[in-house]
Amino acid sequence: MITSRLTSKSQTTIPQSVRLALGLQPGDAVAYVIEQGRVVLTRATTEPEQDDPFASFGEWNSREDAEAYAGL
């Protein structure tokens, strides 16, 4: 079992062995899933979350849109 401690600010360091196993690098996002009293830590995907109300606005984030609306 791999363990770590919480700081006074409720922060923790992901142990090196876990970072290596998940291929985590500085700046990567992680996801937490709570299942039956346990937490599963995974590397987060880069896909927008389905619960994100702004995820659909990504379709308007193209070079063409930037050029079209540059003068506004």
C-alpha atoms as a PDB file:
ATOM      1  CA  MET A   1       0.000   0.000   0.000  1.00  0.00           C
ATOM      2  CA  ILE A   2       1.253   3.483  -0.894  1.00  0.00           C
ATOM      3  CA  THR A   3       0.377   6.301   1.496  1.00  0.00           C
ATOM      4  CA  SER A   4       0.825  10.051   1.824  1.00  0.00           C
ATOM      5  CA  ARG A   5      -0.199  12.645   4.421  1.00  0.00           C
ATOM      6  CA  LEU A   6      -2.421  15.699   4.246  1.00  0.00           C
ATOM      7  CA  THR A   7      -0.957  19.098   5.036  1.00  0.00           C
ATOM      8  CA  SER A   8      -2.743  21.638   7.232  1.00  0.00           C
ATOM      9  CA  LYS A   9      -4.273  22.982   3.988  1.00  0.00           C
ATOM     10  CA  SER A  10      -5.627  19.501   3.079  1.00  0.00           C
ATOM     11  CA  GLN A  11      -3.064  19.103   0.297  1.00  0.00           C
ATOM     12  CA  THR A  12      -1.030  16.012  -0.464  1.00  0.00           C
ATOM     13  CA  THR A  13       1.752  15.003  -2.816  1.00  0.00           C
ATOM     14  CA  ILE A  14       1.014  12.194  -5.231  1.00  0.00           C
ATOM     15  CA  PRO A  15       3.775   9.689  -4.522  1.00  0.00           C
ATOM     16  CA  GLN A  16       6.387   9.208  -7.234  1.00  0.00           C
ATOM     17  CA  SER A  17       5.463   5.569  -7.810  1.00  0.00           C
ATOM     18  CA  VAL A  18       1.843   6.583  -8.515  1.00  0.00           C
ATOM     19  CA  ARG A  19       2.932   9.435 -10.823  1.00  0.00           C
ATOM     20  CA  LEU A  20       5.151   7.023 -12.744  1.00  0.00           C
ATOM     21  CA  ALA A  21       2.430   4.366 -12.986  1.00  0.00           C
ATOM     22  CA  LEU A  22      -0.052   6.902 -14.395  1.00  0.00           C
ATOM     23  CA  GLY A  23       2.510   8.751 -16.505  1.00  0.00           C
ATOM     24  CA  LEU A  24       1.712  12.031 -14.758  1.00  0.00           C
ATOM     25  CA  GLN A  25       3.747  15.147 -15.474  1.00  0.00           C
ATOM     26  CA  PRO A  26       3.582  18.610 -13.872  1.00  0.00           C
ATOM     27  CA  GLY A  27       0.438  20.372 -15.080  1.00  0.00           C
ATOM     28  CA  ASP A  28      -1.491  17.158 -15.811  1.00  0.00           C
ATOM     29  CA  ALA A  29      -5.001  16.874 -14.419  1.00  0.00           C
ATOM     30  CA  VAL A  30      -6.166  13.992 -12.286  1.00  0.00           C
ATOM     31  CA  ALA A  31      -9.697  12.720 -11.736  1.00  0.00           C
ATOM     32  CA  TYR A  32     -11.183  11.306  -8.556  1.00  0.00           C
ATOM     33  CA  VAL A  33     -14.070   8.826  -8.496  1.00  0.00           C
ATOM     34  CA  ILE A  34     -15.644   7.883  -5.176  1.00  0.00           C
ATOM     35  CA  GLU A  35     -16.848   4.275  -5.163  1.00  0.00           C
ATOM     36  CA  GLN A  36     -18.177   2.517  -2.071  1.00  0.00           C
ATOM     37  CA  GLY A  37     -16.041   4.409   0.410  1.00  0.00           C
ATOM     38  CA  ARG A  38     -12.910   4.353  -1.741  1.00  0.00           C
ATOM     39  CA  VAL A  39     -11.400   6.909  -4.074  1.00  0.00           C
ATOM     40  CA  VAL A  40     -10.014   5.916  -7.457  1.00  0.00           C
ATOM     41  CA  LEU A  41      -7.394   8.325  -8.799  1.00  0.00           C
ATOM     42  CA  THR A  42      -6.866   8.362 -12.567  1.00  0.00           C
ATOM     43  CA  ARG A  43      -5.196  10.553 -15.117  1.00  0.00           C
ATOM     44  CA  ALA A  44      -7.906  12.917 -16.376  1.00  0.00           C
ATOM     45  CA  THR A  45      -8.773  12.880 -20.038  1.00  0.00           C
ATOM     46  CA  THR A  46      -8.563  16.042 -22.102  1.00  0.00           C
ATOM     47  CA  GLU A  47     -12.172  15.667 -23.239  1.00  0.00           C
ATOM     48  CA  PRO A  48     -14.602  18.181 -21.745  1.00  0.00           C
ATOM     49  CA  GLU A  49     -16.703  16.774 -18.953  1.00  0.00           C
ATOM     50  CA  GLN A  50     -20.307  16.003 -19.757  1.00  0.00           C
ATOM     51  CA  ASP A  51     -21.359  18.006 -16.697  1.00  0.00           C
ATOM     52  CA  ASP A  52     -19.563  21.122 -17.946  1.00  0.00           C
ATOM     53  CA  PRO A  53     -22.256  23.581 -19.082  1.00  0.00           C
ATOM     54  CA  PHE A  54     -19.711  25.441 -21.228  1.00  0.00           C
ATOM     55  CA  ALA A  55     -18.311  22.387 -23.028  1.00  0.00           C
ATOM     56  CA  SER A  56     -20.534  22.960 -26.069  1.00  0.00           C
ATOM     57  CA  PHE A  57     -19.000  26.400 -26.643  1.00  0.00           C
ATOM     58  CA  GLY A  58     -15.767  24.715 -27.740  1.00  0.00           C
ATOM     59  CA  GLU A  59     -17.195  24.396 -31.225  1.00  0.00           C
ATOM     60  CA  TRP A  60     -16.799  28.159 -31.613  1.00  0.00           C
ATOM     61  CA  ASN A  61     -13.127  28.143 -30.783  1.00  0.00           C
ATOM     62  CA  SER A  62     -11.482  27.883 -34.185  1.00  0.00           C
ATOM     63  CA  ARG A  63      -9.052  30.016 -36.170  1.00  0.00           C
ATOM     64  CA  GLU A  64     -11.885  30.972 -38.533  1.00  0.00           C
ATOM     65  CA  ASP A  65     -14.034  32.185 -35.662  1.00  0.00           C
ATOM     66  CA  ALA A  66     -11.159  34.200 -34.203  1.00  0.00           C
ATOM     67  CA  GLU A  67     -10.653  35.898 -37.585  1.00  0.00           C
ATOM     68  CA  ALA A  68     -14.370  36.499 -38.090  1.00  0.00           C
ATOM     69  CA  TYR A  69     -14.860  38.121 -34.696  1.00  0.00           C
ATOM     70  CA  ALA A  70     -11.482  39.855 -34.387  1.00  0.00           C
ATOM     71  CA  GLY A  71     -12.900  43.305 -35.092  1.00  0.00           C
ATOM     72  CA  LEU A  72     -15.673  43.173 -32.508  1.00  0.00           C
END
